[in-house]
Amino acid sequence: MKRYFILAITLIIVAGTSAALDLEITAQGGVGYSFVDIPKSTEWDESYFNDWSELNFRLNAQGTWGFGDFRAGAELGYSWLYYYDVTVPPVPYYYYGYAGAFNVSALAEYRFDNMALQAGAGAYFFDDGTSLGVHAAGTWRFELSPSMSIPLSVRADIIFGRAMIIPISVMSGFSYRIGQ
C-alpha cells in the first residue's frame, strides 16, 4: 500500500511540474562542411587517399525547458562528418571509410524575441570510441502559432579526438512548445 501511495504522489508531482514548465521539442536536419585533417583522423598515410569529402549531414532532436528567457535541456543527434576512399599498395586494397557519430549533449539557450543563442557540451560516439565535444548555435524562429515554429540555425561543433573535427552546419526543422 505504501508503494502505491508513493507512486501516486510521484505522478502528481511530475504531472504538476510538467504542466508548470515550458517544454519545447525540436527536430532538425541540416547540411554543412567539416574542417578536419582526414589523414590524421583516420591514421591512413596521406599518399593512399583517392577521394574524400568533408560535406556533413546532421539530424538531431532537442528537448528544452523554459525559465523565462533562459532554457536548458538535452539533445540526441547523429552527424555524418566526412568520408574517404583509399588504395593501399602493393596489391591494391581498396577501402572506403567515413566518420559518423551519435551525440548526447546537455545544452543551455538564451532567447530574445525570435532569436536564440545556444551552447552545449556532450559526448560523440564514433565506431572506434567516444570523444568529447562542444557546440554553439544561433537560431532564428519563424512563428507559425504560439506553440509551433520553424527554427533556422547556424551551428558549429568542436569535437576533440585524434584530430579535431569542426563541423559547421545550416539546419532547419520543426519545433513544438507544450505548456507555455
C-alpha atoms as a PDB file:
ATOM      1  CA  MET A   1       0.000   0.000   0.000  1.00  0.00           C
ATOM      2  CA  LYS A   2       2.830   2.378   0.869  1.00  0.00           C
ATOM      3  CA  ARG A   3       4.369   1.721  -2.552  1.00  0.00           C
ATOM      4  CA  TYR A   4       1.162   2.798  -4.361  1.00  0.00           C
ATOM      5  CA  PHE A   5       0.884   5.922  -2.241  1.00  0.00           C
ATOM      6  CA  ILE A   6       4.467   6.952  -3.121  1.00  0.00           C
ATOM      7  CA  LEU A   7       3.783   6.202  -6.812  1.00  0.00           C
ATOM      8  CA  ALA A   8       0.594   8.334  -6.761  1.00  0.00           C
ATOM      9  CA  ILE A   9       2.401  11.266  -5.088  1.00  0.00           C
ATOM     10  CA  THR A  10       5.249  10.995  -7.623  1.00  0.00           C
ATOM     11  CA  LEU A  11       2.817  11.026 -10.571  1.00  0.00           C
ATOM     12  CA  ILE A  12       1.004  14.074  -9.157  1.00  0.00           C
ATOM     13  CA  ILE A  13       4.307  15.939  -8.718  1.00  0.00           C
ATOM     14  CA  VAL A  14       5.507  15.025 -12.228  1.00  0.00           C
ATOM     15  CA  ALA A  15       2.178  16.000 -13.816  1.00  0.00           C
ATOM     16  CA  GLY A  16       2.039  19.285 -11.899  1.00  0.00           C
ATOM     17  CA  THR A  17       5.658  20.129 -12.657  1.00  0.00           C
ATOM     18  CA  SER A  18       5.366  19.351 -16.362  1.00  0.00           C
ATOM     19  CA  ALA A  19       2.241  21.499 -16.621  1.00  0.00           C
ATOM     20  CA  ALA A  20       4.040  24.387 -14.911  1.00  0.00           C
ATOM     21  CA  LEU A  21       7.178  24.093 -17.030  1.00  0.00           C
ATOM     22  CA  ASP A  22       7.555  25.348 -20.542  1.00  0.00           C
ATOM     23  CA  LEU A  23       8.661  22.257 -22.530  1.00  0.00           C
ATOM     24  CA  GLU A  24       9.707  22.519 -26.183  1.00  0.00           C
ATOM     25  CA  ILE A  25      10.574  19.642 -28.520  1.00  0.00           C
ATOM     26  CA  THR A  26      12.615  20.482 -31.634  1.00  0.00           C
ATOM     27  CA  ALA A  27      13.647  18.198 -34.522  1.00  0.00           C
ATOM     28  CA  GLN A  28      16.159  19.493 -37.076  1.00  0.00           C
ATOM     29  CA  GLY A  29      18.233  18.371 -40.023  1.00  0.00           C
ATOM     30  CA  GLY A  30      20.978  20.156 -41.870  1.00  0.00           C
ATOM     31  CA  VAL A  31      23.994  20.150 -44.109  1.00  0.00           C
ATOM     32  CA  GLY A  32      27.386  21.801 -43.907  1.00  0.00           C
ATOM     33  CA  TYR A  33      31.160  21.442 -44.084  1.00  0.00           C
ATOM     34  CA  SER A  34      33.564  19.715 -41.672  1.00  0.00           C
ATOM     35  CA  PHE A  35      37.014  21.177 -41.105  1.00  0.00           C
ATOM     36  CA  VAL A  36      39.254  18.178 -40.352  1.00  0.00           C
ATOM     37  CA  ASP A  37      42.690  16.711 -41.117  1.00  0.00           C
ATOM     38  CA  ILE A  38      41.366  13.413 -42.516  1.00  0.00           C
ATOM     39  CA  PRO A  39      44.725  11.544 -42.694  1.00  0.00           C
ATOM     40  CA  LYS A  40      45.435  12.389 -39.036  1.00  0.00           C
ATOM     41  CA  SER A  41      41.887  11.467 -38.048  1.00  0.00           C
ATOM     42  CA  THR A  42      41.965   8.092 -39.869  1.00  0.00           C
ATOM     43  CA  GLU A  43      45.638   7.139 -39.331  1.00  0.00           C
ATOM     44  CA  TRP A  44      45.995   6.278 -43.061  1.00  0.00           C
ATOM     45  CA  ASP A  45      49.081   7.564 -44.916  1.00  0.00           C
ATOM     46  CA  GLU A  46      48.218  10.683 -46.911  1.00  0.00           C
ATOM     47  CA  SER A  47      49.557   9.191 -50.174  1.00  0.00           C
ATOM     48  CA  TYR A  48      46.883   6.435 -50.092  1.00  0.00           C
ATOM     49  CA  PHE A  49      43.894   8.771 -50.462  1.00  0.00           C
ATOM     50  CA  ASN A  50      41.994   8.701 -53.765  1.00  0.00           C
ATOM     51  CA  ASP A  51      38.933  10.694 -52.833  1.00  0.00           C
ATOM     52  CA  TRP A  52      37.369  12.368 -49.796  1.00  0.00           C
ATOM     53  CA  SER A  53      34.673  14.840 -48.890  1.00  0.00           C
ATOM     54  CA  GLU A  54      34.152  16.988 -45.822  1.00  0.00           C
ATOM     55  CA  LEU A  55      30.451  17.519 -46.564  1.00  0.00           C
ATOM     56  CA  ASN A  56      28.457  16.823 -43.395  1.00  0.00           C
ATOM     57  CA  PHE A  57      24.853  15.917 -42.680  1.00  0.00           C
ATOM     58  CA  ARG A  58      23.196  16.252 -39.274  1.00  0.00           C
ATOM     59  CA  LEU A  59      19.931  15.176 -37.618  1.00  0.00           C
ATOM     60  CA  ASN A  60      19.028  15.988 -34.022  1.00  0.00           C
ATOM     61  CA  ALA A  61      16.193  16.196 -31.540  1.00  0.00           C
ATOM     62  CA  GLN A  62      16.232  18.589 -28.590  1.00  0.00           C
ATOM     63  CA  GLY A  63      14.070  18.932 -25.529  1.00  0.00           C
ATOM     64  CA  THR A  64      14.343  22.199 -23.587  1.00  0.00           C
ATOM     65  CA  TRP A  65      12.577  23.586 -20.549  1.00  0.00           C
ATOM     66  CA  GLY A  66      11.971  27.304 -20.146  1.00  0.00           C
ATOM     67  CA  PHE A  67      12.779  29.506 -17.203  1.00  0.00           C
ATOM     68  CA  GLY A  68      11.926  32.960 -18.588  1.00  0.00           C
ATOM     69  CA  ASP A  69      14.317  33.868 -21.424  1.00  0.00           C
ATOM     70  CA  PHE A  70      16.694  31.091 -20.367  1.00  0.00           C
ATOM     71  CA  ARG A  71      16.176  27.470 -21.457  1.00  0.00           C
ATOM     72  CA  ALA A  72      18.036  24.286 -20.517  1.00  0.00           C
ATOM     73  CA  GLY A  73      17.775  20.819 -21.955  1.00  0.00           C
ATOM     74  CA  ALA A  74      19.304  17.885 -23.789  1.00  0.00           C
ATOM     75  CA  GLU A  75      19.997  16.813 -27.347  1.00  0.00           C
ATOM     76  CA  LEU A  76      20.237  13.469 -29.147  1.00  0.00           C
ATOM     77  CA  GLY A  77      21.699  13.541 -32.627  1.00  0.00           C
ATOM     78  CA  TYR A  78      23.610  11.904 -35.443  1.00  0.00           C
ATOM     79  CA  SER A  79      26.255  13.502 -37.658  1.00  0.00           C
ATOM     80  CA  TRP A  80      27.830  12.165 -40.849  1.00  0.00           C
ATOM     81  CA  LEU A  81      31.063  14.185 -40.720  1.00  0.00           C
ATOM     82  CA  TYR A  82      33.191  13.096 -43.739  1.00  0.00           C
ATOM     83  CA  TYR A  83      34.088  10.152 -45.957  1.00  0.00           C
ATOM     84  CA  TYR A  84      37.268   8.958 -47.658  1.00  0.00           C
ATOM     85  CA  ASP A  85      38.477   6.396 -50.187  1.00  0.00           C
ATOM     86  CA  VAL A  86      41.996   4.887 -50.045  1.00  0.00           C
ATOM     87  CA  THR A  87      44.041   2.444 -52.137  1.00  0.00           C
ATOM     88  CA  VAL A  88      46.872   0.676 -50.320  1.00  0.00           C
ATOM     89  CA  PRO A  89      49.733  -0.841 -52.378  1.00  0.00           C
ATOM     90  CA  PRO A  90      51.494  -3.159 -53.277  1.00  0.00           C
ATOM     91  CA  VAL A  91      48.444  -5.313 -54.037  1.00  0.00           C
ATOM     92  CA  PRO A  92      45.667  -2.752 -54.497  1.00  0.00           C
ATOM     93  CA  TYR A  93      43.482  -2.841 -51.406  1.00  0.00           C
ATOM     94  CA  TYR A  94      40.517  -0.509 -51.730  1.00  0.00           C
ATOM     95  CA  TYR A  95      38.908   0.845 -48.598  1.00  0.00           C
ATOM     96  CA  TYR A  96      36.005   3.233 -48.164  1.00  0.00           C
ATOM     97  CA  GLY A  97      35.501   4.805 -44.764  1.00  0.00           C
ATOM     98  CA  TYR A  98      33.523   7.541 -43.097  1.00  0.00           C
ATOM     99  CA  ALA A  99      33.190   9.293 -39.778  1.00  0.00           C
ATOM    100  CA  GLY A 100      29.736   9.311 -38.284  1.00  0.00           C
ATOM    101  CA  ALA A 101      28.860   9.926 -34.668  1.00  0.00           C
ATOM    102  CA  PHE A 102      25.843   9.820 -32.394  1.00  0.00           C
ATOM    103  CA  ASN A 103      25.868  12.580 -29.808  1.00  0.00           C
ATOM    104  CA  VAL A 104      24.246  13.184 -26.436  1.00  0.00           C
ATOM    105  CA  SER A 105      24.584  16.739 -25.132  1.00  0.00           C
ATOM    106  CA  ALA A 106      23.408  18.994 -22.357  1.00  0.00           C
ATOM    107  CA  LEU A 107      22.568  22.480 -23.600  1.00  0.00           C
ATOM    108  CA  ALA A 108      21.633  25.962 -22.497  1.00  0.00           C
ATOM    109  CA  GLU A 109      19.850  28.587 -24.592  1.00  0.00           C
ATOM    110  CA  TYR A 110      19.094  32.270 -24.187  1.00  0.00           C
ATOM    111  CA  ARG A 111      16.165  33.684 -26.189  1.00  0.00           C
ATOM    112  CA  PHE A 112      15.251  37.203 -27.165  1.00  0.00           C
ATOM    113  CA  ASP A 113      12.321  37.916 -29.488  1.00  0.00           C
ATOM    114  CA  ASN A 114      12.502  35.337 -32.310  1.00  0.00           C
ATOM    115  CA  MET A 115      16.237  34.752 -31.940  1.00  0.00           C
ATOM    116  CA  ALA A 116      18.256  32.468 -29.658  1.00  0.00           C
ATOM    117  CA  LEU A 117      21.864  31.693 -28.790  1.00  0.00           C
ATOM    118  CA  GLN A 118      22.651  28.159 -27.704  1.00  0.00           C
ATOM    119  CA  ALA A 119      25.698  26.398 -26.245  1.00  0.00           C
ATOM    120  CA  GLY A 120      26.168  22.787 -25.258  1.00  0.00           C
ATOM    121  CA  ALA A 121      28.642  20.076 -24.338  1.00  0.00           C
ATOM    122  CA  GLY A 122      28.478  16.328 -24.571  1.00  0.00           C
ATOM    123  CA  ALA A 123      29.781  13.015 -25.861  1.00  0.00           C
ATOM    124  CA  TYR A 124      30.149  11.978 -29.519  1.00  0.00           C
ATOM    125  CA  PHE A 125      30.042   8.186 -30.019  1.00  0.00           C
ATOM    126  CA  PHE A 126      32.099   7.006 -33.030  1.00  0.00           C
ATOM    127  CA  ASP A 127      32.566   3.385 -34.184  1.00  0.00           C
ATOM    128  CA  ASP A 128      36.077   3.352 -32.689  1.00  0.00           C
ATOM    129  CA  GLY A 129      35.460   5.261 -29.457  1.00  0.00           C
ATOM    130  CA  THR A 130      33.960   8.252 -27.725  1.00  0.00           C
ATOM    131  CA  SER A 131      35.089  11.879 -27.953  1.00  0.00           C
ATOM    132  CA  LEU A 132      34.012  14.953 -26.053  1.00  0.00           C
ATOM    133  CA  GLY A 133      32.719  17.991 -27.863  1.00  0.00           C
ATOM    134  CA  VAL A 134      31.069  21.395 -27.532  1.00  0.00           C
ATOM    135  CA  HIS A 135      28.698  23.281 -29.802  1.00  0.00           C
ATOM    136  CA  ALA A 136      27.338  26.775 -30.319  1.00  0.00           C
ATOM    137  CA  ALA A 137      24.381  27.840 -32.452  1.00  0.00           C
ATOM    138  CA  GLY A 138      22.441  30.902 -33.430  1.00  0.00           C
ATOM    139  CA  THR A 139      18.766  30.392 -34.299  1.00  0.00           C
ATOM    140  CA  TRP A 140      16.017  32.462 -35.878  1.00  0.00           C
ATOM    141  CA  ARG A 141      12.479  31.142 -35.301  1.00  0.00           C
ATOM    142  CA  PHE A 142       9.633  31.660 -37.764  1.00  0.00           C
ATOM    143  CA  GLU A 143       6.489  31.507 -35.607  1.00  0.00           C
ATOM    144  CA  LEU A 144       3.583  29.552 -37.095  1.00  0.00           C
ATOM    145  CA  SER A 145       1.467  29.797 -33.935  1.00  0.00           C
ATOM    146  CA  PRO A 146       2.182  30.389 -30.224  1.00  0.00           C
ATOM    147  CA  SER A 147       3.121  26.718 -29.859  1.00  0.00           C
ATOM    148  CA  MET A 148       4.716  25.912 -33.255  1.00  0.00           C
ATOM    149  CA  SER A 149       7.686  27.375 -35.091  1.00  0.00           C
ATOM    150  CA  ILE A 150      10.245  26.639 -37.785  1.00  0.00           C
ATOM    151  CA  PRO A 151      13.806  27.145 -36.498  1.00  0.00           C
ATOM    152  CA  LEU A 152      16.622  28.138 -38.881  1.00  0.00           C
ATOM    153  CA  SER A 153      20.022  27.621 -37.243  1.00  0.00           C
ATOM    154  CA  VAL A 154      23.711  28.033 -37.970  1.00  0.00           C
ATOM    155  CA  ARG A 155      25.668  25.635 -35.768  1.00  0.00           C
ATOM    156  CA  ALA A 156      29.351  24.916 -35.129  1.00  0.00           C
ATOM    157  CA  ASP A 157      30.677  21.955 -33.159  1.00  0.00           C
ATOM    158  CA  ILE A 158      34.199  21.257 -31.942  1.00  0.00           C
ATOM    159  CA  ILE A 159      34.820  17.533 -31.489  1.00  0.00           C
ATOM    160  CA  PHE A 160      38.059  16.569 -29.742  1.00  0.00           C
ATOM    161  CA  GLY A 161      39.724  13.287 -30.737  1.00  0.00           C
ATOM    162  CA  ARG A 162      42.746  12.042 -32.694  1.00  0.00           C
ATOM    163  CA  ALA A 163      42.198  15.071 -34.898  1.00  0.00           C
ATOM    164  CA  MET A 164      39.928  17.979 -34.060  1.00  0.00           C
ATOM    165  CA  ILE A 165      36.763  17.977 -36.192  1.00  0.00           C
ATOM    166  CA  ILE A 166      34.875  21.252 -36.641  1.00  0.00           C
ATOM    167  CA  PRO A 167      31.587  20.744 -38.493  1.00  0.00           C
ATOM    168  CA  ILE A 168      29.640  23.887 -39.373  1.00  0.00           C
ATOM    169  CA  SER A 169      26.041  23.325 -40.457  1.00  0.00           C
ATOM    170  CA  VAL A 170      22.931  25.200 -41.563  1.00  0.00           C
ATOM    171  CA  MET A 171      19.858  23.496 -40.101  1.00  0.00           C
ATOM    172  CA  SER A 172      16.088  23.744 -40.148  1.00  0.00           C
ATOM    173  CA  GLY A 173      13.212  21.721 -38.804  1.00  0.00           C
ATOM    174  CA  PHE A 174      10.103  21.922 -36.662  1.00  0.00           C
ATOM    175  CA  SER A 175       9.533  22.967 -33.059  1.00  0.00           C
ATOM    176  CA  TYR A 176       6.537  22.339 -30.802  1.00  0.00           C
ATOM    177  CA  ARG A 177       6.054  24.041 -27.437  1.00  0.00           C
ATOM    178  CA  ILE A 178       3.995  22.468 -24.634  1.00  0.00           C
ATOM    179  CA  GLY A 179       2.653  24.398 -21.652  1.00  0.00           C
ATOM    180  CA  GLN A 180       3.978  27.875 -22.242  1.00  0.00           C
END
